[in-house]
C-alpha cells in the first residue's frame, strides 16, 4: 500500500485515500462520512494532518514505484517450493488474499451506493494486516535458514518439555488459522528437530499425527 506522501504524488485517488485513512485513523464516523459523500479536499486535509505534511514547504517528489509489481517482487524472495508444507499453505493463503484485495478494490471503483464502501474498506484493511502477519512468519523462517538457530542444551528436562509441547500443540493447532497456526507449527517443528538431533524416537502413531499437520522428520 502507498504511503500518504506517495498518495499525494500519484493522482490522489479517492478510494486509495480512504484506504489510507482507514489504516491510520480510528475515527470511524469520519471514515463513514467520507465514504457516503465524496469530499476530496476534506480527505486530503485529514491525510495531510496524519502525515504531518506542510504544503507550504518544499517537498521533494519521491521516486515513482510501479505498485502493480509489488506482489510479484515480494514472492520472488524465495521459491515457495523451498518452504515447509505449513508455510506453503500460508504462502497460498497470502496469494489468495492479494487476489481478493484486488477484487474488492475494483468493486469499490464501480460502487455508487452511498454508505456501502465502509465495510469493504475495512475488509481491505483486514487483508492488509493478515498479509503482513503472514509475511512476518515466512520472513522469520527465511532468516532462520540464513542465520541458523542458536544452539539449545538438550537435556532430560528439555526433552520432556518438548514432548509435552508437541502433545498439547497437536490439539491447539486444530483451532488456529493463518499466521498464528503457521507460527505454532513452526515452533513445533523446532521441537521435533531438537528431539531428533538428540537421538530421540517417536511412537509411530504420534509421528503419523504430526506428519499429518505438515511436520517433517528428516533432520
C-alpha atoms as a PDB file:
ATOM      1  CA  UNK A   1       0.000   0.000   0.000  1.00  0.00           C
ATOM      2  CA  UNK A   2       1.174   3.513  -0.774  1.00  0.00           C
ATOM      3  CA  UNK A   3       2.321   5.827   1.956  1.00  0.00           C
ATOM      4  CA  UNK A   4       0.337   9.011   2.447  1.00  0.00           C
ATOM      5  CA  UNK A   5       3.100  11.104   0.935  1.00  0.00           C
ATOM      6  CA  UNK A   6       3.258   8.852  -2.125  1.00  0.00           C
ATOM      7  CA  UNK A   7      -0.524   9.131  -2.472  1.00  0.00           C
ATOM      8  CA  UNK A   8      -0.229  12.911  -2.810  1.00  0.00           C
ATOM      9  CA  UNK A   9       2.171  12.467  -5.731  1.00  0.00           C
ATOM     10  CA  UNK A  10       0.363   9.693  -7.611  1.00  0.00           C
ATOM     11  CA  UNK A  11      -3.047  11.042  -8.566  1.00  0.00           C
ATOM     12  CA  UNK A  12      -4.718  11.219  -5.124  1.00  0.00           C
ATOM     13  CA  UNK A  13      -7.246   8.507  -5.992  1.00  0.00           C
ATOM     14  CA  UNK A  14     -10.201   8.907  -3.634  1.00  0.00           C
ATOM     15  CA  UNK A  15     -10.682   5.202  -2.865  1.00  0.00           C
ATOM     16  CA  UNK A  16      -6.973   4.715  -2.177  1.00  0.00           C
ATOM     17  CA  UNK A  17      -7.095   7.741   0.095  1.00  0.00           C
ATOM     18  CA  UNK A  18      -9.960   6.198   2.063  1.00  0.00           C
ATOM     19  CA  UNK A  19      -7.918   3.020   2.478  1.00  0.00           C
ATOM     20  CA  UNK A  20      -5.039   5.021   3.882  1.00  0.00           C
ATOM     21  CA  UNK A  21      -7.352   6.889   6.239  1.00  0.00           C
ATOM     22  CA  UNK A  22      -8.826   3.586   7.456  1.00  0.00           C
ATOM     23  CA  UNK A  23      -5.303   2.345   8.086  1.00  0.00           C
ATOM     24  CA  UNK A  24      -4.099   5.299  10.157  1.00  0.00           C
ATOM     25  CA  UNK A  25      -7.243   6.802  11.704  1.00  0.00           C
ATOM     26  CA  UNK A  26      -9.523   5.290  14.346  1.00  0.00           C
ATOM     27  CA  UNK A  27     -12.261   7.841  13.629  1.00  0.00           C
ATOM     28  CA  UNK A  28     -14.974   5.542  12.215  1.00  0.00           C
ATOM     29  CA  UNK A  29     -17.515   8.372  11.960  1.00  0.00           C
ATOM     30  CA  UNK A  30     -15.161  10.420   9.801  1.00  0.00           C
ATOM     31  CA  UNK A  31     -14.499   7.422   7.578  1.00  0.00           C
ATOM     32  CA  UNK A  32     -18.204   6.705   7.169  1.00  0.00           C
ATOM     33  CA  UNK A  33     -18.936  10.328   6.262  1.00  0.00           C
ATOM     34  CA  UNK A  34     -16.185  10.401   3.658  1.00  0.00           C
ATOM     35  CA  UNK A  35     -17.420   7.078   2.267  1.00  0.00           C
ATOM     36  CA  UNK A  36     -21.009   8.266   1.902  1.00  0.00           C
ATOM     37  CA  UNK A  37     -20.110  11.534   0.228  1.00  0.00           C
ATOM     38  CA  UNK A  38     -17.028  12.260  -1.824  1.00  0.00           C
ATOM     39  CA  UNK A  39     -15.192  15.164  -0.172  1.00  0.00           C
ATOM     40  CA  UNK A  40     -11.763  15.243  -1.786  1.00  0.00           C
ATOM     41  CA  UNK A  41     -10.491  18.364  -0.019  1.00  0.00           C
ATOM     42  CA  UNK A  42     -11.599  17.072   3.383  1.00  0.00           C
ATOM     43  CA  UNK A  43      -9.867  13.736   2.697  1.00  0.00           C
ATOM     44  CA  UNK A  44      -6.658  15.490   1.669  1.00  0.00           C
ATOM     45  CA  UNK A  45      -6.804  17.657   4.783  1.00  0.00           C
ATOM     46  CA  UNK A  46      -7.187  14.644   7.095  1.00  0.00           C
ATOM     47  CA  UNK A  47      -4.371  12.707   5.413  1.00  0.00           C
ATOM     48  CA  UNK A  48      -2.195  15.804   5.431  1.00  0.00           C
ATOM     49  CA  UNK A  49      -2.785  16.139   9.157  1.00  0.00           C
ATOM     50  CA  UNK A  50      -1.892  12.492   9.802  1.00  0.00           C
ATOM     51  CA  UNK A  51       1.276  12.608   7.737  1.00  0.00           C
ATOM     52  CA  UNK A  52       2.397  15.940   9.151  1.00  0.00           C
ATOM     53  CA  UNK A  53       2.997  17.298   5.651  1.00  0.00           C
ATOM     54  CA  UNK A  54       3.317  21.067   5.398  1.00  0.00           C
ATOM     55  CA  UNK A  55       2.112  22.004   1.928  1.00  0.00           C
ATOM     56  CA  UNK A  56       3.745  25.400   2.191  1.00  0.00           C
ATOM     57  CA  UNK A  57       7.188  23.837   2.500  1.00  0.00           C
ATOM     58  CA  UNK A  58       9.018  22.337  -0.430  1.00  0.00           C
ATOM     59  CA  UNK A  59       8.787  18.562  -0.505  1.00  0.00           C
ATOM     60  CA  UNK A  60      10.893  16.609  -2.968  1.00  0.00           C
ATOM     61  CA  UNK A  61       8.945  14.247  -5.200  1.00  0.00           C
ATOM     62  CA  UNK A  62       9.678  10.625  -4.262  1.00  0.00           C
ATOM     63  CA  UNK A  63      10.957   8.061  -6.721  1.00  0.00           C
ATOM     64  CA  UNK A  64       7.983   6.595  -8.563  1.00  0.00           C
ATOM     65  CA  UNK A  65       7.188   2.970  -7.858  1.00  0.00           C
ATOM     66  CA  UNK A  66       5.357   0.522 -10.090  1.00  0.00           C
ATOM     67  CA  UNK A  67       2.893  -0.720  -7.499  1.00  0.00           C
ATOM     68  CA  UNK A  68       1.465  -3.361  -9.821  1.00  0.00           C
ATOM     69  CA  UNK A  69       4.694  -5.344  -9.422  1.00  0.00           C
ATOM     70  CA  UNK A  70       4.820  -5.336  -5.618  1.00  0.00           C
ATOM     71  CA  UNK A  71       3.190  -8.762  -5.045  1.00  0.00           C
ATOM     72  CA  UNK A  72       5.485 -10.330  -7.672  1.00  0.00           C
ATOM     73  CA  UNK A  73       8.556  -8.758  -6.093  1.00  0.00           C
ATOM     74  CA  UNK A  74       7.535  -9.959  -2.653  1.00  0.00           C
ATOM     75  CA  UNK A  75       7.014 -13.530  -3.798  1.00  0.00           C
ATOM     76  CA  UNK A  76      10.387 -13.558  -5.557  1.00  0.00           C
ATOM     77  CA  UNK A  77      12.192 -13.509  -2.212  1.00  0.00           C
ATOM     78  CA  UNK A  78      12.076 -17.299  -2.043  1.00  0.00           C
ATOM     79  CA  UNK A  79      10.758 -20.162  -4.115  1.00  0.00           C
ATOM     80  CA  UNK A  80       7.603 -21.420  -2.351  1.00  0.00           C
ATOM     81  CA  UNK A  81       8.670 -24.985  -3.195  1.00  0.00           C
ATOM     82  CA  UNK A  82      11.525 -24.496  -0.710  1.00  0.00           C
ATOM     83  CA  UNK A  83       9.122 -23.795   2.153  1.00  0.00           C
ATOM     84  CA  UNK A  84       7.930 -26.484   4.573  1.00  0.00           C
ATOM     85  CA  UNK A  85       4.368 -27.592   3.964  1.00  0.00           C
ATOM     86  CA  UNK A  86       2.725 -25.481   6.675  1.00  0.00           C
ATOM     87  CA  UNK A  87       4.415 -22.351   5.288  1.00  0.00           C
ATOM     88  CA  UNK A  88       3.482 -23.233   1.711  1.00  0.00           C
ATOM     89  CA  UNK A  89      -0.122 -23.264   2.905  1.00  0.00           C
ATOM     90  CA  UNK A  90       0.418 -19.819   4.415  1.00  0.00           C
ATOM     91  CA  UNK A  91       2.007 -18.653   1.150  1.00  0.00           C
ATOM     92  CA  UNK A  92      -1.041 -19.790  -0.815  1.00  0.00           C
ATOM     93  CA  UNK A  93      -3.373 -18.063   1.657  1.00  0.00           C
ATOM     94  CA  UNK A  94      -1.383 -14.855   1.193  1.00  0.00           C
ATOM     95  CA  UNK A  95      -1.637 -15.078  -2.598  1.00  0.00           C
ATOM     96  CA  UNK A  96      -5.391 -15.586  -2.269  1.00  0.00           C
ATOM     97  CA  UNK A  97      -5.690 -12.517  -0.029  1.00  0.00           C
ATOM     98  CA  UNK A  98      -3.838 -10.467  -2.634  1.00  0.00           C
ATOM     99  CA  UNK A  99      -6.354 -11.670  -5.229  1.00  0.00           C
ATOM    100  CA  UNK A 100      -9.336 -10.868  -3.007  1.00  0.00           C
ATOM    101  CA  UNK A 101      -7.910  -7.428  -2.209  1.00  0.00           C
ATOM    102  CA  UNK A 102      -7.614  -6.591  -5.896  1.00  0.00           C
ATOM    103  CA  UNK A 103     -11.196  -7.733  -6.443  1.00  0.00           C
ATOM    104  CA  UNK A 104     -12.533  -5.532  -3.649  1.00  0.00           C
ATOM    105  CA  UNK A 105     -10.517  -2.590  -4.908  1.00  0.00           C
ATOM    106  CA  UNK A 106     -12.087  -2.952  -8.360  1.00  0.00           C
ATOM    107  CA  UNK A 107     -15.511  -3.309  -6.759  1.00  0.00           C
ATOM    108  CA  UNK A 108     -15.007  -0.045  -4.877  1.00  0.00           C
ATOM    109  CA  UNK A 109     -14.209   1.765  -8.106  1.00  0.00           C
ATOM    110  CA  UNK A 110     -17.584   0.750  -9.552  1.00  0.00           C
ATOM    111  CA  UNK A 111     -19.652   1.246  -6.411  1.00  0.00           C
ATOM    112  CA  UNK A 112     -22.076   4.177  -6.391  1.00  0.00           C
ATOM    113  CA  UNK A 113     -24.376   3.402  -3.433  1.00  0.00           C
ATOM    114  CA  UNK A 114     -23.618   5.686  -0.509  1.00  0.00           C
ATOM    115  CA  UNK A 115     -22.583   4.082   2.740  1.00  0.00           C
ATOM    116  CA  UNK A 116     -21.661   0.690   1.262  1.00  0.00           C
ATOM    117  CA  UNK A 117     -17.965   1.425   0.848  1.00  0.00           C
ATOM    118  CA  UNK A 118     -17.051   1.430   4.545  1.00  0.00           C
ATOM    119  CA  UNK A 119     -17.273  -2.350   5.213  1.00  0.00           C
ATOM    120  CA  UNK A 120     -15.297  -3.072   2.046  1.00  0.00           C
ATOM    121  CA  UNK A 121     -12.601  -0.607   3.031  1.00  0.00           C
ATOM    122  CA  UNK A 122     -12.409  -2.192   6.472  1.00  0.00           C
ATOM    123  CA  UNK A 123     -12.150  -5.642   4.860  1.00  0.00           C
ATOM    124  CA  UNK A 124      -9.256  -4.426   2.728  1.00  0.00           C
ATOM    125  CA  UNK A 125      -7.509  -3.180   5.845  1.00  0.00           C
ATOM    126  CA  UNK A 126      -8.028  -6.577   7.495  1.00  0.00           C
ATOM    127  CA  UNK A 127      -6.483  -8.282   4.476  1.00  0.00           C
ATOM    128  CA  UNK A 128      -3.513  -5.913   4.652  1.00  0.00           C
ATOM    129  CA  UNK A 129      -2.896  -6.832   8.294  1.00  0.00           C
ATOM    130  CA  UNK A 130      -3.263 -10.558   7.592  1.00  0.00           C
ATOM    131  CA  UNK A 131      -0.880 -10.392   4.622  1.00  0.00           C
ATOM    132  CA  UNK A 132       1.722  -8.572   6.712  1.00  0.00           C
ATOM    133  CA  UNK A 133       1.359 -11.098   9.557  1.00  0.00           C
ATOM    134  CA  UNK A 134       1.797 -13.964   7.084  1.00  0.00           C
ATOM    135  CA  UNK A 135       4.932 -12.403   5.607  1.00  0.00           C
ATOM    136  CA  UNK A 136       6.388 -11.910   9.086  1.00  0.00           C
ATOM    137  CA  UNK A 137       6.126 -15.655   9.757  1.00  0.00           C
ATOM    138  CA  UNK A 138       7.640 -16.587   6.391  1.00  0.00           C
ATOM    139  CA  UNK A 139      10.390 -13.976   6.752  1.00  0.00           C
ATOM    140  CA  UNK A 140      11.288 -15.335  10.192  1.00  0.00           C
ATOM    141  CA  UNK A 141      11.739 -18.806   8.720  1.00  0.00           C
ATOM    142  CA  UNK A 142      13.890 -17.468   5.848  1.00  0.00           C
ATOM    143  CA  UNK A 143      16.037 -15.507   8.307  1.00  0.00           C
ATOM    144  CA  UNK A 144      16.457 -18.597  10.467  1.00  0.00           C
ATOM    145  CA  UNK A 145      17.605 -20.645   7.466  1.00  0.00           C
ATOM    146  CA  UNK A 146      20.151 -17.985   6.542  1.00  0.00           C
ATOM    147  CA  UNK A 147      21.481 -17.261  10.019  1.00  0.00           C
ATOM    148  CA  UNK A 148      20.932 -20.561  11.798  1.00  0.00           C
ATOM    149  CA  UNK A 149      19.357 -21.243  15.188  1.00  0.00           C
ATOM    150  CA  UNK A 150      21.092 -20.611  18.478  1.00  0.00           C
ATOM    151  CA  UNK A 151      22.116 -23.978  19.976  1.00  0.00           C
ATOM    152  CA  UNK A 152      19.935 -25.221  22.819  1.00  0.00           C
ATOM    153  CA  UNK A 153      21.051 -27.564  25.579  1.00  0.00           C
ATOM    154  CA  UNK A 154      19.069 -30.767  25.073  1.00  0.00           C
ATOM    155  CA  UNK A 155      18.856 -32.377  28.491  1.00  0.00           C
ATOM    156  CA  UNK A 156      16.172 -34.582  30.021  1.00  0.00           C
ATOM    157  CA  UNK A 157      14.206 -31.558  31.171  1.00  0.00           C
ATOM    158  CA  UNK A 158      14.248 -30.060  27.666  1.00  0.00           C
ATOM    159  CA  UNK A 159      13.263 -33.381  26.089  1.00  0.00           C
ATOM    160  CA  UNK A 160      10.309 -33.725  28.453  1.00  0.00           C
ATOM    161  CA  UNK A 161       9.231 -30.130  27.821  1.00  0.00           C
ATOM    162  CA  UNK A 162       9.434 -30.631  24.048  1.00  0.00           C
ATOM    163  CA  UNK A 163       7.320 -33.771  24.130  1.00  0.00           C
ATOM    164  CA  UNK A 164       4.702 -32.027  26.264  1.00  0.00           C
ATOM    165  CA  UNK A 165       4.712 -29.027  23.889  1.00  0.00           C
ATOM    166  CA  UNK A 166       4.113 -31.302  20.896  1.00  0.00           C
ATOM    167  CA  UNK A 167       1.360 -33.234  22.649  1.00  0.00           C
ATOM    168  CA  UNK A 168      -0.506 -30.065  23.581  1.00  0.00           C
ATOM    169  CA  UNK A 169       0.307 -28.448  20.240  1.00  0.00           C
ATOM    170  CA  UNK A 170      -1.427 -31.191  18.247  1.00  0.00           C
ATOM    171  CA  UNK A 171      -4.704 -30.248  19.913  1.00  0.00           C
ATOM    172  CA  UNK A 172      -4.197 -26.488  19.978  1.00  0.00           C
ATOM    173  CA  UNK A 173      -3.236 -26.137  16.322  1.00  0.00           C
ATOM    174  CA  UNK A 174      -6.583 -27.572  15.186  1.00  0.00           C
ATOM    175  CA  UNK A 175      -8.303 -24.386  16.351  1.00  0.00           C
ATOM    176  CA  UNK A 176      -5.780 -21.975  14.807  1.00  0.00           C
ATOM    177  CA  UNK A 177      -5.701 -20.359  11.373  1.00  0.00           C
ATOM    178  CA  UNK A 178      -3.444 -18.297   9.144  1.00  0.00           C
ATOM    179  CA  UNK A 179      -0.241 -16.806  10.506  1.00  0.00           C
ATOM    180  CA  UNK A 180      -0.981 -17.892  14.092  1.00  0.00           C
ATOM    181  CA  UNK A 181      -1.352 -21.525  13.003  1.00  0.00           C
ATOM    182  CA  UNK A 182       1.807 -21.384  10.877  1.00  0.00           C
ATOM    183  CA  UNK A 183       3.781 -19.821  13.722  1.00  0.00           C
ATOM    184  CA  UNK A 184       2.624 -22.570  16.099  1.00  0.00           C
ATOM    185  CA  UNK A 185       3.559 -25.295  13.613  1.00  0.00           C
ATOM    186  CA  UNK A 186       6.974 -23.716  13.080  1.00  0.00           C
ATOM    187  CA  UNK A 187       7.573 -23.810  16.840  1.00  0.00           C
ATOM    188  CA  UNK A 188       6.502 -27.458  16.897  1.00  0.00           C
ATOM    189  CA  UNK A 189       8.890 -28.251  14.053  1.00  0.00           C
ATOM    190  CA  UNK A 190      11.759 -26.791  16.075  1.00  0.00           C
ATOM    191  CA  UNK A 191      10.867 -29.113  18.970  1.00  0.00           C
ATOM    192  CA  UNK A 192      10.841 -32.103  16.630  1.00  0.00           C
ATOM    193  CA  UNK A 193      14.227 -31.100  15.219  1.00  0.00           C
ATOM    194  CA  UNK A 194      15.678 -30.815  18.716  1.00  0.00           C
ATOM    195  CA  UNK A 195      14.375 -34.228  19.733  1.00  0.00           C
ATOM    196  CA  UNK A 196      15.685 -35.896  16.577  1.00  0.00           C
ATOM    197  CA  UNK A 197      19.095 -34.250  16.947  1.00  0.00           C
ATOM    198  CA  UNK A 198      19.239 -35.661  20.486  1.00  0.00           C
ATOM    199  CA  UNK A 199      18.581 -39.167  19.140  1.00  0.00           C
ATOM    200  CA  UNK A 200      15.019 -39.349  20.449  1.00  0.00           C
ATOM    201  CA  UNK A 201      12.413 -41.570  18.773  1.00  0.00           C
ATOM    202  CA  UNK A 202       8.690 -41.059  18.228  1.00  0.00           C
ATOM    203  CA  UNK A 203       5.914 -43.603  18.543  1.00  0.00           C
ATOM    204  CA  UNK A 204       4.670 -44.432  15.003  1.00  0.00           C
ATOM    205  CA  UNK A 205       1.128 -43.213  15.696  1.00  0.00           C
ATOM    206  CA  UNK A 206       2.387 -39.964  17.235  1.00  0.00           C
ATOM    207  CA  UNK A 207       4.705 -39.339  14.297  1.00  0.00           C
ATOM    208  CA  UNK A 208       1.894 -40.042  11.846  1.00  0.00           C
ATOM    209  CA  UNK A 209      -0.346 -37.475  13.558  1.00  0.00           C
ATOM    210  CA  UNK A 210       2.403 -34.845  13.474  1.00  0.00           C
ATOM    211  CA  UNK A 211       3.200 -35.557   9.825  1.00  0.00           C
ATOM    212  CA  UNK A 212      -0.493 -35.098   9.019  1.00  0.00           C
ATOM    213  CA  UNK A 213      -0.056 -31.492  10.196  1.00  0.00           C
ATOM    214  CA  UNK A 214       2.734 -30.994   7.647  1.00  0.00           C
ATOM    215  CA  UNK A 215       5.623 -31.505  10.062  1.00  0.00           C
ATOM    216  CA  UNK A 216       8.692 -33.424   8.883  1.00  0.00           C
ATOM    217  CA  UNK A 217      11.096 -35.924  10.436  1.00  0.00           C
ATOM    218  CA  UNK A 218      14.056 -35.827   8.057  1.00  0.00           C
ATOM    219  CA  UNK A 219      16.602 -33.973  10.206  1.00  0.00           C
END
